[in-house]
Protein backbone atom coordinates (compact mmCIF):
# COMPACT_ATOMS: atom_id res chain seq x y z
CA UNK A 1 0.00 0.00 0.00
CA UNK A 2 1.33 3.43 -0.89
CA UNK A 3 1.54 5.80 2.12
CA UNK A 4 -0.54 8.95 1.88
CA UNK A 5 0.51 12.44 2.93
CA UNK A 6 -0.76 11.88 6.47
CA UNK A 7 1.29 8.73 7.09
CA UNK A 8 4.48 9.58 5.19
CA UNK A 9 7.37 10.31 7.58
CA UNK A 10 5.11 9.92 10.62
CA UNK A 11 6.85 8.08 13.45
CA UNK A 12 4.90 5.95 15.93
CA UNK A 13 6.39 4.64 19.17
CA UNK A 14 4.83 1.34 20.31
CA UNK A 15 5.48 0.48 23.97
CA UNK A 16 4.41 -2.97 25.17
CA UNK A 17 6.17 -5.73 27.11
CA UNK A 18 4.58 -8.42 24.93
CA UNK A 19 6.72 -9.22 21.90
CA UNK A 20 3.72 -10.46 19.92
CA UNK A 21 1.82 -7.18 20.44
CA UNK A 22 4.81 -5.10 19.36
CA UNK A 23 5.30 -7.25 16.25
CA UNK A 24 1.64 -7.21 15.18
CA UNK A 25 1.22 -3.46 15.68
CA UNK A 26 4.50 -2.76 13.92
CA UNK A 27 3.38 -4.83 10.94
CA UNK A 28 -0.02 -3.12 10.69
CA UNK A 29 1.39 0.39 11.12
CA UNK A 30 4.25 -0.12 8.68
CA UNK A 31 1.78 -1.51 6.16
CA UNK A 32 0.05 1.89 6.33
CA UNK A 33 3.33 3.69 5.70
CA UNK A 34 4.28 4.73 9.23
CA UNK A 35 7.79 4.53 10.65
CA UNK A 36 7.67 2.50 13.88
CA UNK A 37 9.93 2.49 16.94
CA UNK A 38 9.37 0.04 19.82
CA UNK A 39 10.13 -0.22 23.53
CA UNK A 40 9.42 -3.02 26.00
CA UNK A 41 9.41 -1.28 29.38
CA UNK A 42 8.82 2.07 31.05
CA UNK A 43 12.40 3.38 31.19
CA UNK A 44 12.91 2.26 27.60
CA UNK A 45 9.78 4.15 26.58
CA UNK A 46 11.10 7.41 28.00
CA UNK A 47 14.47 6.94 26.32
CA UNK A 48 12.87 6.04 22.98
CA UNK A 49 10.49 9.00 23.16
CA UNK A 50 13.39 11.39 23.78
CA UNK A 51 15.51 9.90 20.99
CA UNK A 52 12.86 9.30 18.33
CA UNK A 53 10.60 12.33 18.95
CA UNK A 54 7.53 10.34 17.79
CA UNK A 55 4.38 11.90 16.36
CA UNK A 56 2.26 9.53 18.47
CA UNK A 57 2.82 6.95 21.21
CA UNK A 58 0.91 3.69 21.73
CA UNK A 59 1.51 2.96 25.42
CA UNK A 60 0.67 -0.17 27.41
CA UNK A 61 -0.59 0.41 30.95
CA UNK A 62 1.13 -2.59 32.58
CA UNK A 63 4.88 -2.21 32.00
CA UNK A 64 7.96 -3.36 33.91
CA UNK A 65 10.24 -0.74 35.39
CA UNK A 66 7.69 2.09 35.27
CA UNK A 67 4.02 1.51 34.58
CA UNK A 68 2.22 3.24 31.73
CA UNK A 69 0.59 5.81 34.01
CA UNK A 70 3.94 7.02 35.32
CA UNK A 71 5.42 7.04 31.82
CA UNK A 72 2.43 9.07 30.60
CA UNK A 73 2.76 11.46 33.52
CA UNK A 74 6.45 12.08 32.82
CA UNK A 75 5.88 12.51 29.10
CA UNK A 76 3.10 15.00 29.73
CA UNK A 77 5.42 17.08 31.90
CA UNK A 78 7.47 17.91 28.81
CA UNK A 79 5.45 17.08 25.72
CA UNK A 80 1.95 17.20 24.20
CA UNK A 81 2.62 14.16 21.97
CA UNK A 82 -0.67 12.24 21.51
CA UNK A 83 -0.86 9.03 23.56
CA UNK A 84 -3.12 6.03 22.99
CA UNK A 85 -3.09 3.83 26.08
CA UNK A 86 -3.54 0.03 26.08
CA UNK A 87 -4.67 -2.14 28.97
CA UNK A 88 -5.55 -5.78 29.54
CA UNK A 89 -8.19 -4.78 32.09
CA UNK A 90 -11.57 -3.27 31.31
CA UNK A 91 -11.68 -1.29 34.54
CA UNK A 92 -13.28 2.16 34.52
CA UNK A 93 -10.87 3.27 37.25
CA UNK A 94 -7.95 2.47 34.95
CA UNK A 95 -9.49 4.51 32.16
CA UNK A 96 -10.13 7.46 34.45
CA UNK A 97 -6.54 7.34 35.70
CA UNK A 98 -5.23 7.10 32.14
CA UNK A 99 -7.20 10.10 30.95
CA UNK A 100 -6.36 12.05 34.09
CA UNK A 101 -2.62 11.61 33.49
CA UNK A 102 -3.02 12.86 29.91
CA UNK A 103 -3.84 9.93 27.62
CA UNK A 104 -5.77 10.94 24.50
CA UNK A 105 -7.41 7.59 23.86
CA UNK A 106 -7.83 4.14 25.38
CA UNK A 107 -8.06 0.57 24.02
CA UNK A 108 -8.75 -2.58 26.03
CA UNK A 109 -6.98 -5.81 25.09
CA UNK A 110 -7.78 -7.83 23.10
CA UNK A 111 -8.45 -5.26 20.38
CA UNK A 112 -8.38 -5.16 16.62
CA UNK A 113 -5.09 -3.84 15.22
CA UNK A 114 -7.15 -2.33 12.39
CA UNK A 115 -9.13 -0.28 14.94
CA UNK A 116 -5.91 0.97 16.47
CA UNK A 117 -4.72 2.09 13.04
CA UNK A 118 -7.97 4.03 12.55
CA UNK A 119 -7.48 5.80 15.85
CA UNK A 120 -3.87 6.64 15.02
CA UNK A 121 -4.99 8.11 11.69
CA UNK A 122 -7.69 10.17 13.39
CA UNK A 123 -5.22 11.74 15.81
CA UNK A 124 -2.66 12.48 13.10
CA UNK A 125 -5.33 14.10 10.92
CA UNK A 126 -5.84 16.62 13.70
CA UNK A 127 -2.10 17.18 13.95
CA UNK A 128 -1.93 17.80 10.19
CA UNK A 129 -4.84 20.23 10.39
CA UNK A 130 -3.08 22.15 13.14
CA UNK A 131 -0.01 22.49 10.87
CA UNK A 132 -1.99 23.80 7.89
CA UNK A 133 -1.21 27.28 6.48
CA UNK A 134 -2.24 30.02 8.87
CA UNK A 135 -5.70 31.50 8.73
CA UNK A 136 -6.55 35.02 9.80
CA UNK A 137 -6.02 35.49 13.52
CA UNK A 138 -9.52 36.90 13.74
CA UNK A 139 -11.06 33.42 13.65
CA UNK A 140 -10.46 32.98 17.39
CA UNK A 141 -13.56 32.40 19.51
CA UNK A 142 -13.91 34.79 22.44
CA UNK A 143 -16.22 34.43 25.43
CA UNK A 144 -15.41 37.04 28.04
CA UNK A 145 -12.00 36.13 29.49
CA UNK A 146 -11.84 32.91 27.45
CA UNK A 147 -10.17 32.88 24.01
CA UNK A 148 -9.94 29.79 21.76
CA UNK A 149 -7.73 29.96 18.66
CA UNK A 150 -8.17 27.02 16.24
CA UNK A 151 -5.38 28.31 14.01
CA UNK A 152 -2.75 27.93 16.71
CA UNK A 153 -4.72 25.43 18.86
CA UNK A 154 -4.24 27.83 21.74
CA UNK A 155 -6.53 28.62 24.66
CA UNK A 156 -6.13 31.64 26.91
CA UNK A 157 -8.00 32.56 30.05
CA UNK A 158 -7.69 36.15 31.26
CA UNK A 159 -4.64 36.51 29.00
CA UNK A 160 -2.83 33.46 30.36
CA UNK A 161 -2.30 30.29 28.30
CA UNK A 162 -4.18 27.14 29.31
CA UNK A 163 -2.34 23.89 28.60
CA UNK A 164 -4.70 21.34 27.04
CA UNK A 165 -4.13 17.93 25.50
CA UNK A 166 -5.10 17.48 21.85
CA UNK A 167 -8.37 15.79 22.77
CA UNK A 168 -9.25 18.38 25.41
CA UNK A 169 -8.78 21.16 22.87
CA UNK A 170 -10.89 19.35 20.27
CA UNK A 171 -13.71 18.84 22.75
CA UNK A 172 -13.66 22.44 23.97
CA UNK A 173 -13.51 23.87 20.45
CA UNK A 174 -16.38 21.68 19.27
CA UNK A 175 -18.82 22.67 22.03
CA UNK A 176 -17.71 26.32 21.88
CA UNK A 177 -18.57 26.41 18.15
CA UNK A 178 -22.14 25.39 19.09
CA UNK A 179 -22.94 27.63 22.08
CA UNK A 180 -26.14 26.72 23.86
CA UNK A 181 -26.59 23.45 21.95
CA UNK A 182 -26.95 20.35 24.11
CA UNK A 183 -24.97 17.24 23.15
CA UNK A 184 -25.23 13.76 24.60
CA UNK A 185 -22.01 12.00 25.54
CA UNK A 186 -22.50 9.58 22.62
CA UNK A 187 -22.81 12.49 20.19
CA UNK A 188 -19.62 14.04 21.54
CA UNK A 189 -17.77 10.74 21.16
CA UNK A 190 -18.84 10.50 17.51
CA UNK A 191 -18.06 14.14 16.72
CA UNK A 192 -14.88 14.80 18.64
CA UNK A 193 -13.15 11.44 18.51
CA UNK A 194 -13.38 11.55 14.71
CA UNK A 195 -14.38 7.95 14.06
CA UNK A 196 -17.01 5.42 15.09
CA UNK A 197 -15.92 5.13 18.68
CA UNK A 198 -17.06 2.04 20.54
CA UNK A 199 -15.59 2.92 23.92
CA UNK A 200 -17.26 3.85 27.16
CA UNK A 201 -19.02 7.23 27.18
CA UNK A 202 -17.30 7.88 30.52
CA UNK A 203 -14.44 9.03 28.27
CA UNK A 204 -16.39 12.24 27.69
CA UNK A 205 -17.18 12.65 31.38
CA UNK A 206 -13.50 12.46 32.28
CA UNK A 207 -12.48 14.98 29.61
CA UNK A 208 -15.23 17.41 30.65
CA UNK A 209 -14.03 17.14 34.24
CA UNK A 210 -10.43 17.87 33.20
CA UNK A 211 -11.51 20.87 31.14
CA UNK A 212 -13.45 22.28 34.07
CA UNK A 213 -10.44 21.88 36.36
CA UNK A 214 -8.33 23.89 33.91
CA UNK A 215 -10.89 26.54 32.92
CA UNK A 216 -13.22 27.09 35.84
CA UNK A 217 -12.45 28.98 39.08
CA UNK A 218 -14.92 26.61 40.76
CA UNK A 219 -15.26 23.35 38.76
CA UNK A 220 -18.26 22.37 40.91
CA UNK A 221 -20.08 25.50 39.65
CA UNK A 222 -18.92 25.71 36.02
CA UNK A 223 -19.20 28.95 34.08
CA UNK A 224 -18.62 27.62 30.57
CA UNK A 225 -19.38 23.90 30.25
CA UNK A 226 -22.72 23.15 31.86
CA UNK A 227 -24.30 19.79 32.62
CA UNK A 228 -27.84 19.28 31.35
CA UNK A 229 -29.01 16.58 33.71
CA UNK A 230 -30.29 13.44 32.03
CA UNK A 231 -29.11 14.63 28.60
CA UNK A 232 -25.49 15.73 28.35
CA UNK A 233 -23.51 18.98 28.16
CA UNK A 234 -23.65 22.41 26.60
CA UNK A 235 -21.28 25.38 26.28
CA UNK A 236 -22.58 28.56 27.87
CA UNK A 237 -21.32 31.68 26.02
């Protein structure tokens, strides 16, 4: 298969202590035209990430040396590289912890390698869009002290930058473009995650909670992202 412009020169780091998982994912990703680096433990993941500067990391939760949560936490302290986390356990607490430490997506083993490839493509499409030629600066959305710039994928609150993960920015920008409109969690999964997402809708709940912690003076009494009980969420302009 000939690589397209989104896969050409893109480097993926696959971190998993199972040789078979690393080999299968490497085969599927290389078939799509990606360049793949691998690591088998937590310390190796940090070294490989620093050396390879990947465009995306596929990170197993259960790793020797340092577990995936600690690796994710350390990566997030210095980089916004997208992270798709893998786990052998379908525990909601694990998912919440993964998203809280900065993971952009989550897959439970066993999973389809083809589905992982789709998720990788979806994330990298957003990265490519963020690198597109600049648009007029005037396209920023402004709501009082809150400013959201899709051109530079930048959020400011009262003039100070707010650090968001790629998925947090996508979610905020989507609801802010539809002020007052109520979305269910399933609708937000389909719209923001950019593919037919079959995961738990608690994914949205966790991301909304993280956005409120970063944007709201009092997350328990949100100013911008309101809960519509029994339905979902809406952005209040």
